[in-house]
Amino acid sequence: MALNLQWGKCRAYLVDEWCRLADLDTGRMDLSVLNGVYMIWHGGGSPAVLRVGQGTVKTFLREAKNDPALLEYQSHGLYTTWARVAPAQVDGVARYLIDEMKPVLPCDAPPVETVPVNLPNWQQANV
């Protein structure tokens, strides 16, 4: 049975939606103590996951906003989400997401057994 993650979204116009990386104010977000997994994808005609990782979410998102490899896809729109994962499971969840989502950019896949989770329904979103 898959672990059920609560994927992070942003609030805009009283509606929860996937967060645009460029608009994300990491200084105002209370993610400094949130450890888990995160994902960045681009929208456009053929949306694709660019990067998956694990660790401190706020640090990753702050660095991602200036990552030249990610910014190459900025014209397609860059989106992100994250989820809290227990430390004992985070590597297995990251491995599962990397295996399932097949990110375009290189990701460090931990050498552990996968821990299946629900995937964010980003392909159905208006991105």
N, C-alpha and C. Protein backbone atom coordinates (compact mmCIF):
# COMPACT_ATOMS: atom_id res chain seq x y z
N MET A 1 0.83 -1.18 0.00
CA MET A 1 0.00 0.00 0.00
C MET A 1 0.87 1.24 0.00
N ALA A 2 0.50 2.22 -0.79
CA ALA A 2 1.30 3.44 -0.93
C ALA A 2 1.12 4.36 0.27
N LEU A 3 2.21 5.00 0.64
CA LEU A 3 2.20 6.01 1.68
C LEU A 3 1.47 7.24 1.12
N ASN A 4 0.55 7.81 1.86
CA ASN A 4 -0.23 8.95 1.38
C ASN A 4 0.43 10.26 1.82
N LEU A 5 1.01 10.98 0.87
CA LEU A 5 1.66 12.26 1.16
C LEU A 5 0.70 13.41 0.92
N GLN A 6 0.88 14.47 1.67
CA GLN A 6 0.13 15.71 1.47
C GLN A 6 1.04 16.67 0.70
N TRP A 7 0.79 16.81 -0.59
CA TRP A 7 1.63 17.63 -1.45
C TRP A 7 1.33 19.11 -1.25
N GLY A 8 2.40 19.89 -1.04
CA GLY A 8 2.27 21.32 -0.78
C GLY A 8 1.81 22.09 -2.01
N LYS A 9 0.93 23.07 -1.76
CA LYS A 9 0.45 23.97 -2.80
C LYS A 9 0.51 25.40 -2.28
N CYS A 10 0.30 26.35 -3.15
CA CYS A 10 0.27 27.76 -2.78
C CYS A 10 -1.17 28.25 -2.86
N ARG A 11 -1.44 29.28 -2.12
CA ARG A 11 -2.79 29.86 -2.10
C ARG A 11 -2.77 31.11 -2.98
N ALA A 12 -3.63 31.13 -3.98
CA ALA A 12 -3.73 32.28 -4.87
C ALA A 12 -5.20 32.49 -5.21
N TYR A 13 -5.66 33.69 -5.03
CA TYR A 13 -7.05 34.02 -5.35
C TYR A 13 -8.02 33.05 -4.68
N LEU A 14 -7.74 32.75 -3.41
CA LEU A 14 -8.58 31.89 -2.57
C LEU A 14 -8.67 30.45 -3.06
N VAL A 15 -7.75 30.05 -3.91
CA VAL A 15 -7.72 28.69 -4.44
C VAL A 15 -6.32 28.13 -4.25
N ASP A 16 -6.23 26.86 -3.84
CA ASP A 16 -4.92 26.21 -3.76
C ASP A 16 -4.51 25.79 -5.15
N GLU A 17 -3.28 26.10 -5.53
CA GLU A 17 -2.76 25.72 -6.84
C GLU A 17 -1.29 25.40 -6.72
N TRP A 18 -0.76 24.75 -7.75
CA TRP A 18 0.67 24.43 -7.74
C TRP A 18 1.45 25.72 -7.72
N CYS A 19 2.55 25.71 -7.00
CA CYS A 19 3.36 26.92 -6.80
C CYS A 19 4.26 27.19 -8.00
N ARG A 20 4.23 28.41 -8.47
CA ARG A 20 5.18 28.85 -9.50
C ARG A 20 6.48 29.13 -8.78
N LEU A 21 7.54 28.50 -9.23
CA LEU A 21 8.82 28.64 -8.55
C LEU A 21 9.26 30.09 -8.48
N ALA A 22 9.11 30.85 -9.56
CA ALA A 22 9.57 32.24 -9.59
C ALA A 22 8.82 33.11 -8.59
N ASP A 23 7.57 32.80 -8.30
CA ASP A 23 6.74 33.61 -7.40
C ASP A 23 6.83 33.18 -5.94
N LEU A 24 7.50 32.08 -5.69
CA LEU A 24 7.57 31.52 -4.34
C LEU A 24 8.48 32.37 -3.47
N ASP A 25 7.96 32.90 -2.38
CA ASP A 25 8.75 33.70 -1.44
C ASP A 25 9.22 32.78 -0.32
N THR A 26 10.40 32.20 -0.50
CA THR A 26 10.90 31.24 0.48
C THR A 26 11.21 31.91 1.81
N GLY A 27 11.41 33.23 1.81
CA GLY A 27 11.66 33.94 3.06
C GLY A 27 10.43 34.00 3.95
N ARG A 28 9.26 33.97 3.36
CA ARG A 28 8.01 34.06 4.12
C ARG A 28 7.42 32.69 4.42
N MET A 29 7.89 31.68 3.76
CA MET A 29 7.32 30.35 3.96
C MET A 29 7.91 29.69 5.20
N ASP A 30 7.08 29.00 5.94
CA ASP A 30 7.53 28.31 7.14
C ASP A 30 7.94 26.88 6.78
N LEU A 31 8.99 26.79 5.96
CA LEU A 31 9.47 25.48 5.53
C LEU A 31 10.84 25.17 6.11
N SER A 32 11.35 26.05 6.98
CA SER A 32 12.72 25.88 7.46
C SER A 32 12.91 24.59 8.24
N VAL A 33 11.87 24.08 8.86
CA VAL A 33 12.00 22.85 9.62
C VAL A 33 11.38 21.66 8.89
N LEU A 34 10.89 21.91 7.69
CA LEU A 34 10.25 20.84 6.93
C LEU A 34 11.29 20.05 6.15
N ASN A 35 11.43 18.80 6.52
CA ASN A 35 12.28 17.88 5.78
C ASN A 35 11.39 16.90 5.06
N GLY A 36 11.75 16.60 3.84
CA GLY A 36 10.94 15.68 3.07
C GLY A 36 11.42 15.57 1.65
N VAL A 37 10.48 15.50 0.72
CA VAL A 37 10.80 15.39 -0.70
C VAL A 37 10.22 16.59 -1.43
N TYR A 38 10.78 16.88 -2.59
CA TYR A 38 10.32 18.00 -3.39
C TYR A 38 10.48 17.66 -4.85
N MET A 39 9.73 18.39 -5.66
CA MET A 39 9.72 18.13 -7.10
C MET A 39 9.56 19.46 -7.82
N ILE A 40 10.27 19.61 -8.92
CA ILE A 40 10.10 20.77 -9.80
C ILE A 40 9.83 20.25 -11.19
N TRP A 41 8.84 20.86 -11.85
CA TRP A 41 8.51 20.48 -13.23
C TRP A 41 8.25 21.71 -14.05
N HIS A 42 8.24 21.54 -15.35
CA HIS A 42 7.87 22.66 -16.22
C HIS A 42 6.54 22.36 -16.88
N GLY A 43 5.81 23.43 -17.16
CA GLY A 43 4.52 23.31 -17.83
C GLY A 43 4.74 23.31 -19.34
N GLY A 44 3.88 23.95 -20.05
CA GLY A 44 4.02 24.01 -21.50
C GLY A 44 3.32 22.85 -22.19
N GLY A 45 3.62 22.68 -23.47
CA GLY A 45 2.97 21.67 -24.28
C GLY A 45 3.20 20.25 -23.82
N SER A 46 4.38 19.96 -23.33
CA SER A 46 4.72 18.61 -22.84
C SER A 46 5.35 18.74 -21.46
N PRO A 47 4.54 18.92 -20.43
CA PRO A 47 5.09 19.06 -19.08
C PRO A 47 5.99 17.88 -18.71
N ALA A 48 7.03 18.17 -17.95
CA ALA A 48 7.96 17.12 -17.53
C ALA A 48 8.59 17.48 -16.19
N VAL A 49 8.81 16.47 -15.37
CA VAL A 49 9.52 16.67 -14.11
C VAL A 49 10.98 16.91 -14.44
N LEU A 50 11.53 17.95 -13.83
CA LEU A 50 12.93 18.31 -14.05
C LEU A 50 13.82 17.78 -12.94
N ARG A 51 13.36 17.88 -11.70
CA ARG A 51 14.21 17.46 -10.58
C ARG A 51 13.35 16.95 -9.43
N VAL A 52 13.88 15.94 -8.75
CA VAL A 52 13.29 15.38 -7.53
C VAL A 52 14.42 15.27 -6.53
N GLY A 53 14.12 15.56 -5.28
CA GLY A 53 15.15 15.42 -4.26
C GLY A 53 14.57 15.32 -2.88
N GLN A 54 15.45 15.25 -1.90
CA GLN A 54 15.03 15.16 -0.51
C GLN A 54 15.97 15.97 0.35
N GLY A 55 15.46 16.39 1.50
CA GLY A 55 16.24 17.19 2.43
C GLY A 55 15.40 18.33 2.99
N THR A 56 16.06 19.44 3.33
CA THR A 56 15.37 20.61 3.85
C THR A 56 14.72 21.36 2.70
N VAL A 57 13.41 21.39 2.67
CA VAL A 57 12.67 21.92 1.54
C VAL A 57 13.00 23.39 1.27
N LYS A 58 13.03 24.21 2.30
CA LYS A 58 13.28 25.65 2.11
C LYS A 58 14.63 25.90 1.46
N THR A 59 15.66 25.20 1.89
CA THR A 59 17.00 25.36 1.32
C THR A 59 17.00 24.98 -0.15
N PHE A 60 16.39 23.86 -0.48
CA PHE A 60 16.34 23.40 -1.86
C PHE A 60 15.63 24.41 -2.75
N LEU A 61 14.47 24.88 -2.33
CA LEU A 61 13.70 25.80 -3.17
C LEU A 61 14.41 27.14 -3.34
N ARG A 62 15.07 27.62 -2.32
CA ARG A 62 15.83 28.87 -2.43
C ARG A 62 16.94 28.71 -3.47
N GLU A 63 17.66 27.61 -3.42
CA GLU A 63 18.75 27.36 -4.38
C GLU A 63 18.21 27.09 -5.78
N ALA A 64 17.07 26.42 -5.88
CA ALA A 64 16.50 26.08 -7.18
C ALA A 64 16.11 27.32 -7.98
N LYS A 65 15.72 28.37 -7.29
CA LYS A 65 15.28 29.59 -7.98
C LYS A 65 16.40 30.22 -8.79
N ASN A 66 17.66 29.87 -8.48
CA ASN A 66 18.81 30.43 -9.19
C ASN A 66 19.64 29.37 -9.91
N ASP A 67 19.11 28.17 -10.04
CA ASP A 67 19.84 27.06 -10.65
C ASP A 67 19.79 27.21 -12.18
N PRO A 68 20.95 27.42 -12.83
CA PRO A 68 20.96 27.61 -14.29
C PRO A 68 20.34 26.46 -15.07
N ALA A 69 20.50 25.23 -14.60
CA ALA A 69 19.93 24.08 -15.31
C ALA A 69 18.40 24.15 -15.30
N LEU A 70 17.82 24.56 -14.19
CA LEU A 70 16.37 24.70 -14.11
C LEU A 70 15.88 25.92 -14.88
N LEU A 71 16.63 27.01 -14.79
CA LEU A 71 16.20 28.26 -15.43
C LEU A 71 16.17 28.15 -16.95
N GLU A 72 16.84 27.16 -17.51
CA GLU A 72 16.74 26.94 -18.96
C GLU A 72 15.31 26.62 -19.39
N TYR A 73 14.50 26.15 -18.46
CA TYR A 73 13.11 25.76 -18.75
C TYR A 73 12.10 26.82 -18.30
N GLN A 74 12.58 27.96 -17.85
CA GLN A 74 11.71 28.98 -17.27
C GLN A 74 10.63 29.47 -18.24
N SER A 75 10.92 29.50 -19.53
CA SER A 75 9.93 29.97 -20.50
C SER A 75 8.70 29.06 -20.55
N HIS A 76 8.82 27.82 -20.08
CA HIS A 76 7.70 26.89 -20.04
C HIS A 76 6.88 27.02 -18.76
N GLY A 77 7.42 27.78 -17.80
CA GLY A 77 6.80 27.89 -16.48
C GLY A 77 7.32 26.80 -15.58
N LEU A 78 7.91 27.19 -14.46
CA LEU A 78 8.45 26.23 -13.49
C LEU A 78 7.54 26.17 -12.28
N TYR A 79 7.22 24.95 -11.87
CA TYR A 79 6.30 24.71 -10.75
C TYR A 79 6.97 23.79 -9.75
N THR A 80 6.50 23.86 -8.51
CA THR A 80 7.08 23.02 -7.48
C THR A 80 6.03 22.55 -6.48
N THR A 81 6.34 21.45 -5.84
CA THR A 81 5.56 20.95 -4.71
C THR A 81 6.51 20.19 -3.79
N TRP A 82 6.04 19.92 -2.59
CA TRP A 82 6.86 19.25 -1.58
C TRP A 82 5.94 18.49 -0.65
N ALA A 83 6.52 17.58 0.12
CA ALA A 83 5.76 16.83 1.11
C ALA A 83 6.67 16.43 2.26
N ARG A 84 6.12 16.49 3.45
CA ARG A 84 6.84 16.03 4.65
C ARG A 84 6.89 14.51 4.62
N VAL A 85 8.08 13.97 4.93
CA VAL A 85 8.26 12.52 4.99
C VAL A 85 9.11 12.21 6.21
N ALA A 86 8.76 11.16 6.93
CA ALA A 86 9.52 10.75 8.10
C ALA A 86 10.96 10.43 7.70
N PRO A 87 11.92 10.80 8.54
CA PRO A 87 13.33 10.57 8.20
C PRO A 87 13.65 9.13 7.82
N ALA A 88 13.01 8.16 8.45
CA ALA A 88 13.29 6.75 8.15
C ALA A 88 12.80 6.35 6.75
N GLN A 89 11.91 7.14 6.14
CA GLN A 89 11.34 6.78 4.85
C GLN A 89 11.74 7.71 3.71
N VAL A 90 12.37 8.83 4.02
CA VAL A 90 12.59 9.86 3.01
C VAL A 90 13.44 9.37 1.84
N ASP A 91 14.48 8.60 2.09
CA ASP A 91 15.32 8.11 0.99
C ASP A 91 14.54 7.17 0.07
N GLY A 92 13.75 6.28 0.65
CA GLY A 92 12.95 5.36 -0.14
C GLY A 92 11.88 6.06 -0.96
N VAL A 93 11.28 7.10 -0.39
CA VAL A 93 10.28 7.89 -1.11
C VAL A 93 10.94 8.64 -2.25
N ALA A 94 12.09 9.26 -1.99
CA ALA A 94 12.82 9.97 -3.06
C ALA A 94 13.17 9.01 -4.18
N ARG A 95 13.65 7.83 -3.83
CA ARG A 95 14.00 6.83 -4.84
C ARG A 95 12.78 6.46 -5.68
N TYR A 96 11.64 6.26 -5.03
CA TYR A 96 10.40 5.93 -5.75
C TYR A 96 10.03 7.05 -6.72
N LEU A 97 10.07 8.29 -6.26
CA LEU A 97 9.70 9.41 -7.11
C LEU A 97 10.64 9.55 -8.31
N ILE A 98 11.91 9.36 -8.09
CA ILE A 98 12.88 9.43 -9.18
C ILE A 98 12.61 8.32 -10.19
N ASP A 99 12.38 7.12 -9.70
CA ASP A 99 12.11 5.99 -10.59
C ASP A 99 10.82 6.18 -11.38
N GLU A 100 9.78 6.71 -10.73
CA GLU A 100 8.46 6.86 -11.36
C GLU A 100 8.38 8.08 -12.28
N MET A 101 8.94 9.20 -11.84
CA MET A 101 8.77 10.46 -12.57
C MET A 101 9.85 10.68 -13.62
N LYS A 102 10.96 9.98 -13.52
CA LYS A 102 12.05 10.04 -14.49
C LYS A 102 12.43 11.50 -14.82
N PRO A 103 12.99 12.22 -13.84
CA PRO A 103 13.34 13.62 -14.04
C PRO A 103 14.31 13.82 -15.20
N VAL A 104 14.16 14.94 -15.88
CA VAL A 104 15.00 15.30 -17.02
C VAL A 104 16.43 15.57 -16.57
N LEU A 105 16.60 16.27 -15.47
CA LEU A 105 17.92 16.62 -14.96
C LEU A 105 18.41 15.54 -13.99
N PRO A 106 19.73 15.40 -13.87
CA PRO A 106 20.27 14.37 -12.98
C PRO A 106 19.81 14.56 -11.53
N CYS A 107 19.48 13.47 -10.89
CA CYS A 107 19.08 13.46 -9.48
C CYS A 107 19.83 12.33 -8.79
N ASP A 108 20.17 12.56 -7.54
CA ASP A 108 20.84 11.52 -6.76
C ASP A 108 19.80 10.56 -6.22
N ALA A 109 19.73 9.37 -6.80
CA ALA A 109 18.79 8.35 -6.35
C ALA A 109 19.45 7.55 -5.23
N PRO A 110 18.90 7.66 -4.01
CA PRO A 110 19.50 6.90 -2.91
C PRO A 110 19.46 5.39 -3.20
N PRO A 111 20.53 4.68 -2.84
CA PRO A 111 20.60 3.23 -3.10
C PRO A 111 19.83 2.44 -2.05
N VAL A 112 18.51 2.62 -2.04
CA VAL A 112 17.66 1.95 -1.05
C VAL A 112 16.43 1.37 -1.75
N GLU A 113 15.67 0.57 -1.01
CA GLU A 113 14.39 0.07 -1.53
C GLU A 113 13.42 1.23 -1.67
N THR A 114 12.59 1.17 -2.69
CA THR A 114 11.61 2.24 -2.89
C THR A 114 10.49 2.15 -1.86
N VAL A 115 9.94 3.31 -1.54
CA VAL A 115 8.74 3.40 -0.70
C VAL A 115 7.68 4.07 -1.56
N PRO A 116 6.71 3.29 -2.06
CA PRO A 116 5.67 3.86 -2.93
C PRO A 116 4.82 4.91 -2.21
N VAL A 117 4.46 5.96 -2.96
CA VAL A 117 3.62 7.04 -2.45
C VAL A 117 2.63 7.46 -3.53
N ASN A 118 1.62 8.22 -3.11
CA ASN A 118 0.73 8.85 -4.08
C ASN A 118 1.51 9.95 -4.80
N LEU A 119 1.28 10.09 -6.09
CA LEU A 119 1.98 11.11 -6.87
C LEU A 119 1.14 12.37 -6.93
N PRO A 120 1.80 13.53 -7.01
CA PRO A 120 1.02 14.76 -7.18
C PRO A 120 0.36 14.75 -8.55
N ASN A 121 -0.84 15.21 -8.63
CA ASN A 121 -1.61 15.18 -9.87
C ASN A 121 -1.31 16.42 -10.70
N TRP A 122 -0.04 16.70 -10.91
CA TRP A 122 0.36 17.94 -11.59
C TRP A 122 0.04 17.94 -13.07
N GLN A 123 -0.02 16.79 -13.70
CA GLN A 123 -0.28 16.76 -15.15
C GLN A 123 -1.71 17.17 -15.46
N GLN A 124 -2.62 17.07 -14.50
CA GLN A 124 -4.01 17.44 -14.72
C GLN A 124 -4.24 18.93 -14.41
N ALA A 125 -3.21 19.59 -13.86
CA ALA A 125 -3.37 20.99 -13.44
C ALA A 125 -3.26 21.92 -14.64
N ASN A 126 -3.77 23.10 -14.48
CA ASN A 126 -3.64 24.14 -15.50
C ASN A 126 -2.29 24.80 -15.34
N VAL A 127 -1.29 24.23 -15.94
CA VAL A 127 0.06 24.80 -15.85
C VAL A 127 0.49 25.30 -17.19
